[in-house]
Amino acid sequence: MGIQRIGTGARMSEAVVYNGICWLAGQVADDASQDIVGQTRQVLGAIDALLAQAGTSKAHLLAAQIFLTDMADFAGMNAVWDEWIKDAGKPARATVEAALARPGWKVEIVVTAAVPPG
């Protein structure tokens, strides 16, 4: 089995699949003018789309790393996350406060998922 790269650009790939595991790059909102709820919805939608391209879904998440620019947004992000993950397997997860690469971004999420055979 070779390495599958999804959304490859000059610097990175949006996802890499190898040996039954899918690693996603950090996903951020396309519209940074939205509040934490709107940005989190955008990010989780991007994650869903990339996982589908890789042949997997949130039901197969193994781990998640969440970066918030302000921990005051923790409850708002969690409200969206909890709705999104409620019917799926819960991954190991960490949430930290961090400066993100662009002003306006409030949340960045990185996930790793198993890719089921077939």
PDB file of N, CA and C in Angstrom:
ATOM      1  N   MET A   1       0.845  -1.180   0.000  1.00  0.00           N
ATOM      2  CA  MET A   1       0.000   0.000   0.000  1.00  0.00           C
ATOM      3  C   MET A   1       0.888   1.239   0.000  1.00  0.00           C
ATOM      4  N   GLY A   2       0.631   2.157  -0.933  1.00  0.00           N
ATOM      5  CA  GLY A   2       1.410   3.377  -1.009  1.00  0.00           C
ATOM      6  C   GLY A   2       0.838   4.475  -0.132  1.00  0.00           C
ATOM      7  N   ILE A   3       1.525   5.572  -0.142  1.00  0.00           N
ATOM      8  CA  ILE A   3       1.074   6.747   0.596  1.00  0.00           C
ATOM      9  C   ILE A   3       0.125   7.536  -0.299  1.00  0.00           C
ATOM     10  N   GLN A   4      -1.038   7.881   0.219  1.00  0.00           N
ATOM     11  CA  GLN A   4      -2.021   8.692  -0.511  1.00  0.00           C
ATOM     12  C   GLN A   4      -1.999  10.095   0.089  1.00  0.00           C
ATOM     13  N   ARG A   5      -1.827  11.091  -0.770  1.00  0.00           N
ATOM     14  CA  ARG A   5      -1.828  12.481  -0.321  1.00  0.00           C
ATOM     15  C   ARG A   5      -3.026  13.188  -0.929  1.00  0.00           C
ATOM     16  N   ILE A   6      -3.751  13.920  -0.112  1.00  0.00           N
ATOM     17  CA  ILE A   6      -4.973  14.604  -0.533  1.00  0.00           C
ATOM     18  C   ILE A   6      -4.773  16.104  -0.366  1.00  0.00           C
ATOM     19  N   GLY A   7      -5.144  16.866  -1.393  1.00  0.00           N
ATOM     20  CA  GLY A   7      -5.041  18.318  -1.306  1.00  0.00           C
ATOM     21  C   GLY A   7      -3.619  18.801  -1.164  1.00  0.00           C
ATOM     22  N   THR A   8      -2.725  18.260  -1.960  1.00  0.00           N
ATOM     23  CA  THR A   8      -1.313  18.615  -1.861  1.00  0.00           C
ATOM     24  C   THR A   8      -1.040  19.955  -2.534  1.00  0.00           C
ATOM     25  N   GLY A   9      -0.343  20.805  -1.837  1.00  0.00           N
ATOM     26  CA  GLY A   9       0.076  22.101  -2.361  1.00  0.00           C
ATOM     27  C   GLY A   9       1.590  22.193  -2.334  1.00  0.00           C
ATOM     28  N   ALA A  10       2.096  23.391  -2.479  1.00  0.00           N
ATOM     29  CA  ALA A  10       3.539  23.611  -2.507  1.00  0.00           C
ATOM     30  C   ALA A  10       4.205  23.298  -1.170  1.00  0.00           C
ATOM     31  N   ARG A  11       3.470  23.443  -0.078  1.00  0.00           N
ATOM     32  CA  ARG A  11       4.062  23.298   1.249  1.00  0.00           C
ATOM     33  C   ARG A  11       3.620  22.047   1.992  1.00  0.00           C
ATOM     34  N   MET A  12       2.402  21.594   1.740  1.00  0.00           N
ATOM     35  CA  MET A  12       1.838  20.523   2.568  1.00  0.00           C
ATOM     36  C   MET A  12       0.668  19.851   1.876  1.00  0.00           C
ATOM     37  N   SER A  13       0.209  18.775   2.482  1.00  0.00           N
ATOM     38  CA  SER A  13      -1.015  18.102   2.055  1.00  0.00           C
ATOM     39  C   SER A  13      -2.070  18.317   3.120  1.00  0.00           C
ATOM     40  N   GLU A  14      -3.335  18.403   2.704  1.00  0.00           N
ATOM     41  CA  GLU A  14      -4.432  18.544   3.664  1.00  0.00           C
ATOM     42  C   GLU A  14      -4.652  17.254   4.441  1.00  0.00           C
ATOM     43  N   ALA A  15      -4.337  16.109   3.814  1.00  0.00           N
ATOM     44  CA  ALA A  15      -4.457  14.813   4.484  1.00  0.00           C
ATOM     45  C   ALA A  15      -3.460  13.847   3.867  1.00  0.00           C
ATOM     46  N   VAL A  16      -3.012  12.912   4.691  1.00  0.00           N
ATOM     47  CA  VAL A  16      -2.125  11.843   4.233  1.00  0.00           C
ATOM     48  C   VAL A  16      -2.667  10.540   4.802  1.00  0.00           C
ATOM     49  N   VAL A  17      -2.766   9.536   3.927  1.00  0.00           N
ATOM     50  CA  VAL A  17      -3.249   8.217   4.339  1.00  0.00           C
ATOM     51  C   VAL A  17      -2.151   7.199   4.090  1.00  0.00           C
ATOM     52  N   TYR A  18      -1.892   6.391   5.114  1.00  0.00           N
ATOM     53  CA  TYR A  18      -0.901   5.321   4.974  1.00  0.00           C
ATOM     54  C   TYR A  18      -1.218   4.217   5.969  1.00  0.00           C
ATOM     55  N   ASN A  19      -1.188   3.001   5.497  1.00  0.00           N
ATOM     56  CA  ASN A  19      -1.310   1.829   6.369  1.00  0.00           C
ATOM     57  C   ASN A  19      -2.561   1.882   7.250  1.00  0.00           C
ATOM     58  N   GLY A  20      -3.678   2.345   6.677  1.00  0.00           N
ATOM     59  CA  GLY A  20      -4.937   2.345   7.405  1.00  0.00           C
ATOM     60  C   GLY A  20      -5.150   3.495   8.362  1.00  0.00           C
ATOM     61  N   ILE A  21      -4.285   4.511   8.296  1.00  0.00           N
ATOM     62  CA  ILE A  21      -4.412   5.680   9.170  1.00  0.00           C
ATOM     63  C   ILE A  21      -4.455   6.932   8.297  1.00  0.00           C
ATOM     64  N   CYS A  22      -5.322   7.862   8.659  1.00  0.00           N
ATOM     65  CA  CYS A  22      -5.438   9.148   7.968  1.00  0.00           C
ATOM     66  C   CYS A  22      -5.074  10.263   8.947  1.00  0.00           C
ATOM     67  N   TRP A  23      -4.095  11.076   8.545  1.00  0.00           N
ATOM     68  CA  TRP A  23      -3.685  12.243   9.328  1.00  0.00           C
ATOM     69  C   TRP A  23      -4.141  13.488   8.593  1.00  0.00           C
ATOM     70  N   LEU A  24      -4.852  14.363   9.255  1.00  0.00           N
ATOM     71  CA  LEU A  24      -5.269  15.624   8.654  1.00  0.00           C
ATOM     72  C   LEU A  24      -4.384  16.754   9.136  1.00  0.00           C
ATOM     73  N   ALA A  25      -4.125  17.696   8.236  1.00  0.00           N
ATOM     74  CA  ALA A  25      -3.465  18.937   8.624  1.00  0.00           C
ATOM     75  C   ALA A  25      -4.453  19.737   9.469  1.00  0.00           C
ATOM     76  N   GLY A  26      -3.970  20.720  10.158  1.00  0.00           N
ATOM     77  CA  GLY A  26      -4.857  21.581  10.932  1.00  0.00           C
ATOM     78  C   GLY A  26      -5.847  22.280  10.016  1.00  0.00           C
ATOM     79  N   GLN A  27      -7.113  22.204  10.365  1.00  0.00           N
ATOM     80  CA  GLN A  27      -8.175  22.822   9.574  1.00  0.00           C
ATOM     81  C   GLN A  27      -8.643  24.094  10.260  1.00  0.00           C
ATOM     82  N   VAL A  28      -8.795  25.138   9.462  1.00  0.00           N
ATOM     83  CA  VAL A  28      -9.239  26.436   9.968  1.00  0.00           C
ATOM     84  C   VAL A  28     -10.421  26.912   9.132  1.00  0.00           C
ATOM     85  N   ALA A  29     -11.102  27.925   9.623  1.00  0.00           N
ATOM     86  CA  ALA A  29     -12.279  28.467   8.944  1.00  0.00           C
ATOM     87  C   ALA A  29     -11.888  29.221   7.673  1.00  0.00           C
ATOM     88  N   ASP A  30     -12.721  29.097   6.643  1.00  0.00           N
ATOM     89  CA  ASP A  30     -12.550  29.907   5.429  1.00  0.00           C
ATOM     90  C   ASP A  30     -12.992  31.341   5.682  1.00  0.00           C
ATOM     91  N   ASP A  31     -14.019  31.507   6.517  1.00  0.00           N
ATOM     92  CA  ASP A  31     -14.555  32.828   6.831  1.00  0.00           C
ATOM     93  C   ASP A  31     -14.203  33.185   8.272  1.00  0.00           C
ATOM     94  N   ALA A  32     -13.085  33.882   8.430  1.00  0.00           N
ATOM     95  CA  ALA A  32     -12.594  34.220   9.767  1.00  0.00           C
ATOM     96  C   ALA A  32     -13.400  35.332  10.426  1.00  0.00           C
ATOM     97  N   SER A  33     -14.382  35.892   9.731  1.00  0.00           N
ATOM     98  CA  SER A  33     -15.200  36.944  10.341  1.00  0.00           C
ATOM     99  C   SER A  33     -16.271  36.367  11.263  1.00  0.00           C
ATOM    100  N   GLN A  34     -16.491  35.055  11.187  1.00  0.00           N
ATOM    101  CA  GLN A  34     -17.523  34.431  12.021  1.00  0.00           C
ATOM    102  C   GLN A  34     -17.043  34.240  13.455  1.00  0.00           C
ATOM    103  N   ASP A  35     -18.004  34.071  14.366  1.00  0.00           N
ATOM    104  CA  ASP A  35     -17.671  33.834  15.766  1.00  0.00           C
ATOM    105  C   ASP A  35     -17.199  32.387  15.942  1.00  0.00           C
ATOM    106  N   ILE A  36     -16.915  31.994  17.165  1.00  0.00           N
ATOM    107  CA  ILE A  36     -16.374  30.659  17.428  1.00  0.00           C
ATOM    108  C   ILE A  36     -17.333  29.558  16.971  1.00  0.00           C
ATOM    109  N   VAL A  37     -18.621  29.760  17.114  1.00  0.00           N
ATOM    110  CA  VAL A  37     -19.599  28.755  16.677  1.00  0.00           C
ATOM    111  C   VAL A  37     -19.529  28.580  15.160  1.00  0.00           C
ATOM    112  N   GLY A  38     -19.556  29.683  14.438  1.00  0.00           N
ATOM    113  CA  GLY A  38     -19.489  29.617  12.978  1.00  0.00           C
ATOM    114  C   GLY A  38     -18.179  29.047  12.480  1.00  0.00           C
ATOM    115  N   GLN A  39     -17.074  29.462  13.087  1.00  0.00           N
ATOM    116  CA  GLN A  39     -15.776  28.941  12.664  1.00  0.00           C
ATOM    117  C   GLN A  39     -15.647  27.452  12.977  1.00  0.00           C
ATOM    118  N   THR A  40     -16.118  27.030  14.131  1.00  0.00           N
ATOM    119  CA  THR A  40     -16.029  25.608  14.480  1.00  0.00           C
ATOM    120  C   THR A  40     -16.862  24.775  13.514  1.00  0.00           C
ATOM    121  N   ARG A  41     -18.041  25.254  13.151  1.00  0.00           N
ATOM    122  CA  ARG A  41     -18.869  24.530  12.167  1.00  0.00           C
ATOM    123  C   ARG A  41     -18.142  24.399  10.837  1.00  0.00           C
ATOM    124  N   GLN A  42     -17.498  25.473  10.390  1.00  0.00           N
ATOM    125  CA  GLN A  42     -16.746  25.427   9.134  1.00  0.00           C
ATOM    126  C   GLN A  42     -15.616  24.401   9.211  1.00  0.00           C
ATOM    127  N   VAL A  43     -14.875  24.427  10.307  1.00  0.00           N
ATOM    128  CA  VAL A  43     -13.740  23.526  10.473  1.00  0.00           C
ATOM    129  C   VAL A  43     -14.210  22.069  10.484  1.00  0.00           C
ATOM    130  N   LEU A  44     -15.258  21.777  11.225  1.00  0.00           N
ATOM    131  CA  LEU A  44     -15.751  20.397  11.289  1.00  0.00           C
ATOM    132  C   LEU A  44     -16.312  19.943   9.945  1.00  0.00           C
ATOM    133  N   GLY A  45     -16.905  20.850   9.189  1.00  0.00           N
ATOM    134  CA  GLY A  45     -17.355  20.527   7.837  1.00  0.00           C
ATOM    135  C   GLY A  45     -16.183  20.183   6.929  1.00  0.00           C
ATOM    136  N   ALA A  46     -15.090  20.935   7.047  1.00  0.00           N
ATOM    137  CA  ALA A  46     -13.888  20.644   6.260  1.00  0.00           C
ATOM    138  C   ALA A  46     -13.303  19.290   6.654  1.00  0.00           C
ATOM    139  N   ILE A  47     -13.324  18.993   7.947  1.00  0.00           N
ATOM    140  CA  ILE A  47     -12.830  17.697   8.420  1.00  0.00           C
ATOM    141  C   ILE A  47     -13.682  16.572   7.850  1.00  0.00           C
ATOM    142  N   ASP A  48     -15.000  16.715   7.908  1.00  0.00           N
ATOM    143  CA  ASP A  48     -15.883  15.697   7.321  1.00  0.00           C
ATOM    144  C   ASP A  48     -15.544  15.451   5.853  1.00  0.00           C
ATOM    145  N   ALA A  49     -15.347  16.526   5.090  1.00  0.00           N
ATOM    146  CA  ALA A  49     -15.078  16.398   3.652  1.00  0.00           C
ATOM    147  C   ALA A  49     -13.740  15.698   3.395  1.00  0.00           C
ATOM    148  N   LEU A  50     -12.712  16.067   4.139  1.00  0.00           N
ATOM    149  CA  LEU A  50     -11.405  15.434   3.949  1.00  0.00           C
ATOM    150  C   LEU A  50     -11.429  13.967   4.362  1.00  0.00           C
ATOM    151  N   LEU A  51     -12.088  13.667   5.475  1.00  0.00           N
ATOM    152  CA  LEU A  51     -12.184  12.271   5.891  1.00  0.00           C
ATOM    153  C   LEU A  51     -12.907  11.441   4.834  1.00  0.00           C
ATOM    154  N   ALA A  52     -13.964  11.987   4.242  1.00  0.00           N
ATOM    155  CA  ALA A  52     -14.690  11.271   3.189  1.00  0.00           C
ATOM    156  C   ALA A  52     -13.778  11.012   1.985  1.00  0.00           C
ATOM    157  N   GLN A  53     -12.984  12.006   1.602  1.00  0.00           N
ATOM    158  CA  GLN A  53     -12.045  11.813   0.491  1.00  0.00           C
ATOM    159  C   GLN A  53     -11.041  10.711   0.790  1.00  0.00           C
ATOM    160  N   ALA A  54     -10.711  10.546   2.067  1.00  0.00           N
ATOM    161  CA  ALA A  54      -9.750   9.531   2.479  1.00  0.00           C
ATOM    162  C   ALA A  54     -10.394   8.161   2.687  1.00  0.00           C
ATOM    163  N   GLY A  55     -11.721   8.085   2.551  1.00  0.00           N
ATOM    164  CA  GLY A  55     -12.410   6.808   2.722  1.00  0.00           C
ATOM    165  C   GLY A  55     -12.751   6.473   4.159  1.00  0.00           C
ATOM    166  N   THR A  56     -12.892   7.501   4.981  1.00  0.00           N
ATOM    167  CA  THR A  56     -13.225   7.266   6.383  1.00  0.00           C
ATOM    168  C   THR A  56     -14.222   8.336   6.843  1.00  0.00           C
ATOM    169  N   SER A  57     -14.455   8.411   8.150  1.00  0.00           N
ATOM    170  CA  SER A  57     -15.404   9.381   8.694  1.00  0.00           C
ATOM    171  C   SER A  57     -15.088   9.639  10.163  1.00  0.00           C
ATOM    172  N   LYS A  58     -15.847  10.555  10.742  1.00  0.00           N
ATOM    173  CA  LYS A  58     -15.656  10.865  12.166  1.00  0.00           C
ATOM    174  C   LYS A  58     -15.948   9.666  13.064  1.00  0.00           C
ATOM    175  N   ALA A  59     -16.660   8.679  12.556  1.00  0.00           N
ATOM    176  CA  ALA A  59     -16.921   7.462  13.334  1.00  0.00           C
ATOM    177  C   ALA A  59     -15.634   6.699  13.626  1.00  0.00           C
ATOM    178  N   HIS A  60     -14.576   7.002  12.874  1.00  0.00           N
ATOM    179  CA  HIS A  60     -13.309   6.280  13.010  1.00  0.00           C
ATOM    180  C   HIS A  60     -12.195   7.156  13.580  1.00  0.00           C
ATOM    181  N   LEU A  61     -12.567   8.287  14.210  1.00  0.00           N
ATOM    182  CA  LEU A  61     -11.545   9.162  14.787  1.00  0.00           C
ATOM    183  C   LEU A  61     -10.764   8.457  15.879  1.00  0.00           C
ATOM    184  N   LEU A  62      -9.474   8.697  15.888  1.00  0.00           N
ATOM    185  CA  LEU A  62      -8.594   8.172  16.934  1.00  0.00           C
ATOM    186  C   LEU A  62      -8.167   9.275  17.888  1.00  0.00           C
ATOM    187  N   ALA A  63      -7.832  10.448  17.344  1.00  0.00           N
ATOM    188  CA  ALA A  63      -7.324  11.548  18.172  1.00  0.00           C
ATOM    189  C   ALA A  63      -7.717  12.881  17.564  1.00  0.00           C
ATOM    190  N   ALA A  64      -7.840  13.890  18.420  1.00  0.00           N
ATOM    191  CA  ALA A  64      -8.105  15.262  17.986  1.00  0.00           C
ATOM    192  C   ALA A  64      -7.287  16.212  18.841  1.00  0.00           C
ATOM    193  N   GLN A  65      -6.729  17.217  18.188  1.00  0.00           N
ATOM    194  CA  GLN A  65      -6.027  18.304  18.871  1.00  0.00           C
ATOM    195  C   GLN A  65      -6.729  19.590  18.466  1.00  0.00           C
ATOM    196  N   ILE A  66      -7.159  20.350  19.452  1.00  0.00           N
ATOM    197  CA  ILE A  66      -7.899  21.579  19.191  1.00  0.00           C
ATOM    198  C   ILE A  66      -7.106  22.755  19.752  1.00  0.00           C
ATOM    199  N   PHE A  67      -6.917  23.755  18.902  1.00  0.00           N
ATOM    200  CA  PHE A  67      -6.191  24.955  19.277  1.00  0.00           C
ATOM    201  C   PHE A  67      -7.163  26.134  19.241  1.00  0.00           C
ATOM    202  N   LEU A  68      -7.290  26.820  20.357  1.00  0.00           N
ATOM    203  CA  LEU A  68      -8.148  28.006  20.470  1.00  0.00           C
ATOM    204  C   LEU A  68      -7.278  29.229  20.738  1.00  0.00           C
ATOM    205  N   THR A  69      -7.604  30.343  20.108  1.00  0.00           N
ATOM    206  CA  THR A  69      -6.842  31.562  20.391  1.00  0.00           C
ATOM    207  C   THR A  69      -7.222  32.157  21.742  1.00  0.00           C
ATOM    208  N   ASP A  70      -8.394  31.767  22.247  1.00  0.00           N
ATOM    209  CA  ASP A  70      -8.868  32.296  23.529  1.00  0.00           C
ATOM    210  C   ASP A  70      -9.695  31.221  24.225  1.00  0.00           C
ATOM    211  N   MET A  71      -9.260  30.787  25.392  1.00  0.00           N
ATOM    212  CA  MET A  71      -9.990  29.732  26.109  1.00  0.00           C
ATOM    213  C   MET A  71     -11.384  30.186  26.525  1.00  0.00           C
ATOM    214  N   ALA A  72     -11.672  31.479  26.425  1.00  0.00           N
ATOM    215  CA  ALA A  72     -13.038  31.947  26.680  1.00  0.00           C
ATOM    216  C   ALA A  72     -14.000  31.377  25.633  1.00  0.00           C
ATOM    217  N   ASP A  73     -13.480  30.907  24.489  1.00  0.00           N
ATOM    218  CA  ASP A  73     -14.301  30.309  23.439  1.00  0.00           C
ATOM    219  C   ASP A  73     -14.505  28.797  23.625  1.00  0.00           C
ATOM    220  N   PHE A  74     -13.969  28.241  24.703  1.00  0.00           N
ATOM    221  CA  PHE A  74     -14.024  26.785  24.934  1.00  0.00           C
ATOM    222  C   PHE A  74     -15.459  26.266  24.946  1.00  0.00           C
ATOM    223  N   ALA A  75     -16.352  26.931  25.663  1.00  0.00           N
ATOM    224  CA  ALA A  75     -17.744  26.458  25.754  1.00  0.00           C
ATOM    225  C   ALA A  75     -18.448  26.531  24.401  1.00  0.00           C
ATOM    226  N   GLY A  76     -18.250  27.606  23.664  1.00  0.00           N
ATOM    227  CA  GLY A  76     -18.873  27.733  22.351  1.00  0.00           C
ATOM    228  C   GLY A  76     -18.378  26.680  21.378  1.00  0.00           C
ATOM    229  N   MET A  77     -17.069  26.441  21.368  1.00  0.00           N
ATOM    230  CA  MET A  77     -16.498  25.401  20.509  1.00  0.00           C
ATOM    231  C   MET A  77     -17.042  24.040  20.923  1.00  0.00           C
ATOM    232  N   ASN A  78     -17.078  23.764  22.232  1.00  0.00           N
ATOM    233  CA  ASN A  78     -17.562  22.464  22.716  1.00  0.00           C
ATOM    234  C   ASN A  78     -19.027  22.218  22.364  1.00  0.00           C
ATOM    235  N   ALA A  79     -19.847  23.253  22.355  1.00  0.00           N
ATOM    236  CA  ALA A  79     -21.260  23.077  22.000  1.00  0.00           C
ATOM    237  C   ALA A  79     -21.385  22.541  20.577  1.00  0.00           C
ATOM    238  N   VAL A  80     -20.599  23.096  19.659  1.00  0.00           N
ATOM    239  CA  VAL A  80     -20.621  22.635  18.270  1.00  0.00           C
ATOM    240  C   VAL A  80     -19.991  21.254  18.165  1.00  0.00           C
ATOM    241  N   TRP A  81     -18.852  21.051  18.826  1.00  0.00           N
ATOM    242  CA  TRP A  81     -18.159  19.752  18.818  1.00  0.00           C
ATOM    243  C   TRP A  81     -19.077  18.655  19.341  1.00  0.00           C
ATOM    244  N   ASP A  82     -19.733  18.900  20.475  1.00  0.00           N
ATOM    245  CA  ASP A  82     -20.590  17.875  21.097  1.00  0.00           C
ATOM    246  C   ASP A  82     -21.725  17.454  20.168  1.00  0.00           C
ATOM    247  N   GLU A  83     -22.314  18.408  19.468  1.00  0.00           N
ATOM    248  CA  GLU A  83     -23.380  18.080  18.510  1.00  0.00           C
ATOM    249  C   GLU A  83     -22.817  17.256  17.345  1.00  0.00           C
ATOM    250  N   TRP A  84     -21.647  17.635  16.863  1.00  0.00           N
ATOM    251  CA  TRP A  84     -21.009  16.969  15.724  1.00  0.00           C
ATOM    252  C   TRP A  84     -20.589  15.539  16.061  1.00  0.00           C
ATOM    253  N   ILE A  85     -20.077  15.325  17.246  1.00  0.00           N
ATOM    254  CA  ILE A  85     -19.479  14.032  17.610  1.00  0.00           C
ATOM    255  C   ILE A  85     -20.458  13.095  18.311  1.00  0.00           C
ATOM    256  N   LYS A  86     -21.682  13.560  18.609  1.00  0.00           N
ATOM    257  CA  LYS A  86     -22.578  12.804  19.483  1.00  0.00           C
ATOM    258  C   LYS A  86     -22.856  11.375  19.036  1.00  0.00           C
ATOM    259  N   ASP A  87     -22.974  11.124  17.738  1.00  0.00           N
ATOM    260  CA  ASP A  87     -23.284   9.775  17.258  1.00  0.00           C
ATOM    261  C   ASP A  87     -22.062   9.052  16.711  1.00  0.00           C
ATOM    262  N   ALA A  88     -20.879   9.558  17.001  1.00  0.00           N
ATOM    263  CA  ALA A  88     -19.640   8.964  16.485  1.00  0.00           C
ATOM    264  C   ALA A  88     -18.763   8.505  17.644  1.00  0.00           C
ATOM    265  N   GLY A  89     -17.717   7.765  17.309  1.00  0.00           N
ATOM    266  CA  GLY A  89     -16.754   7.349  18.327  1.00  0.00           C
ATOM    267  C   GLY A  89     -16.006   8.558  18.851  1.00  0.00           C
ATOM    268  N   LYS A  90     -15.842   8.618  20.140  1.00  0.00           N
ATOM    269  CA  LYS A  90     -15.167   9.760  20.749  1.00  0.00           C
ATOM    270  C   LYS A  90     -13.654   9.527  20.720  1.00  0.00           C
ATOM    271  N   PRO A  91     -12.890  10.462  20.123  1.00  0.00           N
ATOM    272  CA  PRO A  91     -11.437  10.300  20.058  1.00  0.00           C
ATOM    273  C   PRO A  91     -10.763  10.742  21.352  1.00  0.00           C
ATOM    274  N   ALA A  92      -9.503  10.357  21.492  1.00  0.00           N
ATOM    275  CA  ALA A  92      -8.671  10.987  22.510  1.00  0.00           C
ATOM    276  C   ALA A  92      -8.546  12.444  22.068  1.00  0.00           C
ATOM    277  N   ARG A  93      -8.598  13.390  23.011  1.00  0.00           N
ATOM    278  CA  ARG A  93      -8.655  14.798  22.607  1.00  0.00           C
ATOM    279  C   ARG A  93      -7.899  15.678  23.579  1.00  0.00           C
ATOM    280  N   ALA A  94      -7.257  16.699  23.024  1.00  0.00           N
ATOM    281  CA  ALA A  94      -6.625  17.739  23.825  1.00  0.00           C
ATOM    282  C   ALA A  94      -7.049  19.082  23.257  1.00  0.00           C
ATOM    283  N   THR A  95      -7.242  20.064  24.143  1.00  0.00           N
ATOM    284  CA  THR A  95      -7.569  21.427  23.722  1.00  0.00           C
ATOM    285  C   THR A  95      -6.615  22.373  24.435  1.00  0.00           C
ATOM    286  N   VAL A  96      -5.973  23.237  23.653  1.00  0.00           N
ATOM    287  CA  VAL A  96      -5.016  24.188  24.225  1.00  0.00           C
ATOM    288  C   VAL A  96      -5.260  25.576  23.646  1.00  0.00           C
ATOM    289  N   GLU A  97      -4.774  26.574  24.360  1.00  0.00           N
ATOM    290  CA  GLU A  97      -4.806  27.937  23.856  1.00  0.00           C
ATOM    291  C   GLU A  97      -3.499  28.203  23.132  1.00  0.00           C
ATOM    292  N   ALA A  98      -3.593  28.778  21.929  1.00  0.00           N
ATOM    293  CA  ALA A  98      -2.400  29.038  21.127  1.00  0.00           C
ATOM    294  C   ALA A  98      -2.661  30.186  20.163  1.00  0.00           C
ATOM    295  N   ALA A  99      -1.608  30.894  19.815  1.00  0.00           N
ATOM    296  CA  ALA A  99      -1.697  31.890  18.750  1.00  0.00           C
ATOM    297  C   ALA A  99      -1.747  31.126  17.431  1.00  0.00           C
ATOM    298  N   LEU A 100      -2.687  31.492  16.555  1.00  0.00           N
ATOM    299  CA  LEU A 100      -2.792  30.835  15.259  1.00  0.00           C
ATOM    300  C   LEU A 100      -2.101  31.684  14.193  1.00  0.00           C
ATOM    301  N   ALA A 101      -1.886  31.102  13.021  1.00  0.00           N
ATOM    302  CA  ALA A 101      -1.057  31.715  11.986  1.00  0.00           C
ATOM    303  C   ALA A 101      -1.624  32.998  11.390  1.00  0.00           C
ATOM    304  N   ARG A 102      -2.950  33.164  11.418  1.00  0.00           N
ATOM    305  CA  ARG A 102      -3.560  34.358  10.827  1.00  0.00           C
ATOM    306  C   ARG A 102      -4.500  35.029  11.816  1.00  0.00           C
ATOM    307  N   PRO A 103      -4.499  36.370  11.808  1.00  0.00           N
ATOM    308  CA  PRO A 103      -5.455  37.087  12.659  1.00  0.00           C
ATOM    309  C   PRO A 103      -6.888  36.743  12.246  1.00  0.00           C
ATOM    310  N   GLY A 104      -7.758  36.628  13.205  1.00  0.00           N
ATOM    311  CA  GLY A 104      -9.156  36.321  12.920  1.00  0.00           C
ATOM    312  C   GLY A 104      -9.496  34.860  13.121  1.00  0.00           C
ATOM    313  N   TRP A 105      -8.546  33.975  12.882  1.00  0.00           N
ATOM    314  CA  TRP A 105      -8.816  32.561  13.148  1.00  0.00           C
ATOM    315  C   TRP A 105      -8.973  32.372  14.650  1.00  0.00           C
ATOM    316  N   LYS A 106     -10.017  31.672  15.038  1.00  0.00           N
ATOM    317  CA  LYS A 106     -10.300  31.429  16.450  1.00  0.00           C
ATOM    318  C   LYS A 106     -10.042  29.978  16.848  1.00  0.00           C
ATOM    319  N   VAL A 107     -10.085  29.059  15.862  1.00  0.00           N
ATOM    320  CA  VAL A 107      -9.961  27.638  16.166  1.00  0.00           C
ATOM    321  C   VAL A 107      -9.260  26.920  15.023  1.00  0.00           C
ATOM    322  N   GLU A 108      -8.408  25.976  15.370  1.00  0.00           N
ATOM    323  CA  GLU A 108      -7.772  25.079  14.414  1.00  0.00           C
ATOM    324  C   GLU A 108      -7.865  23.676  15.001  1.00  0.00           C
ATOM    325  N   ILE A 109      -8.255  22.723  14.167  1.00  0.00           N
ATOM    326  CA  ILE A 109      -8.441  21.349  14.652  1.00  0.00           C
ATOM    327  C   ILE A 109      -7.664  20.392  13.764  1.00  0.00           C
ATOM    328  N   VAL A 110      -6.937  19.493  14.411  1.00  0.00           N
ATOM    329  CA  VAL A 110      -6.166  18.438  13.751  1.00  0.00           C
ATOM    330  C   VAL A 110      -6.746  17.102  14.213  1.00  0.00           C
ATOM    331  N   VAL A 111      -7.043  16.200  13.281  1.00  0.00           N
ATOM    332  CA  VAL A 111      -7.534  14.880  13.661  1.00  0.00           C
ATOM    333  C   VAL A 111      -6.756  13.779  12.976  1.00  0.00           C
ATOM    334  N   THR A 112      -6.786  12.617  13.594  1.00  0.00           N
ATOM    335  CA  THR A 112      -6.244  11.380  13.042  1.00  0.00           C
ATOM    336  C   THR A 112      -7.374  10.361  13.098  1.00  0.00           C
ATOM    337  N   ALA A 113      -7.514   9.584  12.009  1.00  0.00           N
ATOM    338  CA  ALA A 113      -8.612   8.606  11.943  1.00  0.00           C
ATOM    339  C   ALA A 113      -8.122   7.306  11.338  1.00  0.00           C
ATOM    340  N   ALA A 114      -8.747   6.211  11.746  1.00  0.00           N
ATOM    341  CA  ALA A 114      -8.523   4.928  11.092  1.00  0.00           C
ATOM    342  C   ALA A 114      -9.280   4.921   9.768  1.00  0.00           C
ATOM    343  N   VAL A 115      -8.719   4.249   8.784  1.00  0.00           N
ATOM    344  CA  VAL A 115      -9.392   4.069   7.494  1.00  0.00           C
ATOM    345  C   VAL A 115      -9.766   2.607   7.396  1.00  0.00           C
ATOM    346  N   PRO A 116     -11.059   2.303   7.422  1.00  0.00           N
ATOM    347  CA  PRO A 116     -11.467   0.908   7.392  1.00  0.00           C
ATOM    348  C   PRO A 116     -11.093   0.235   6.063  1.00  0.00           C
ATOM    349  N   PRO A 117     -10.770  -1.034   6.082  1.00  0.00           N
ATOM    350  CA  PRO A 117     -10.435  -1.734   4.846  1.00  0.00           C
ATOM    351  C   PRO A 117     -11.599  -1.737   3.868  1.00  0.00           C
ATOM    352  N   GLY A 118     -11.252  -1.743   2.598  1.00  0.00           N
ATOM    353  CA  GLY A 118     -12.284  -1.897   1.577  1.00  0.00           C
ATOM    354  C   GLY A 118     -12.532  -0.675   0.887  1.00  0.00           C
TER     355      GLY A 118
END
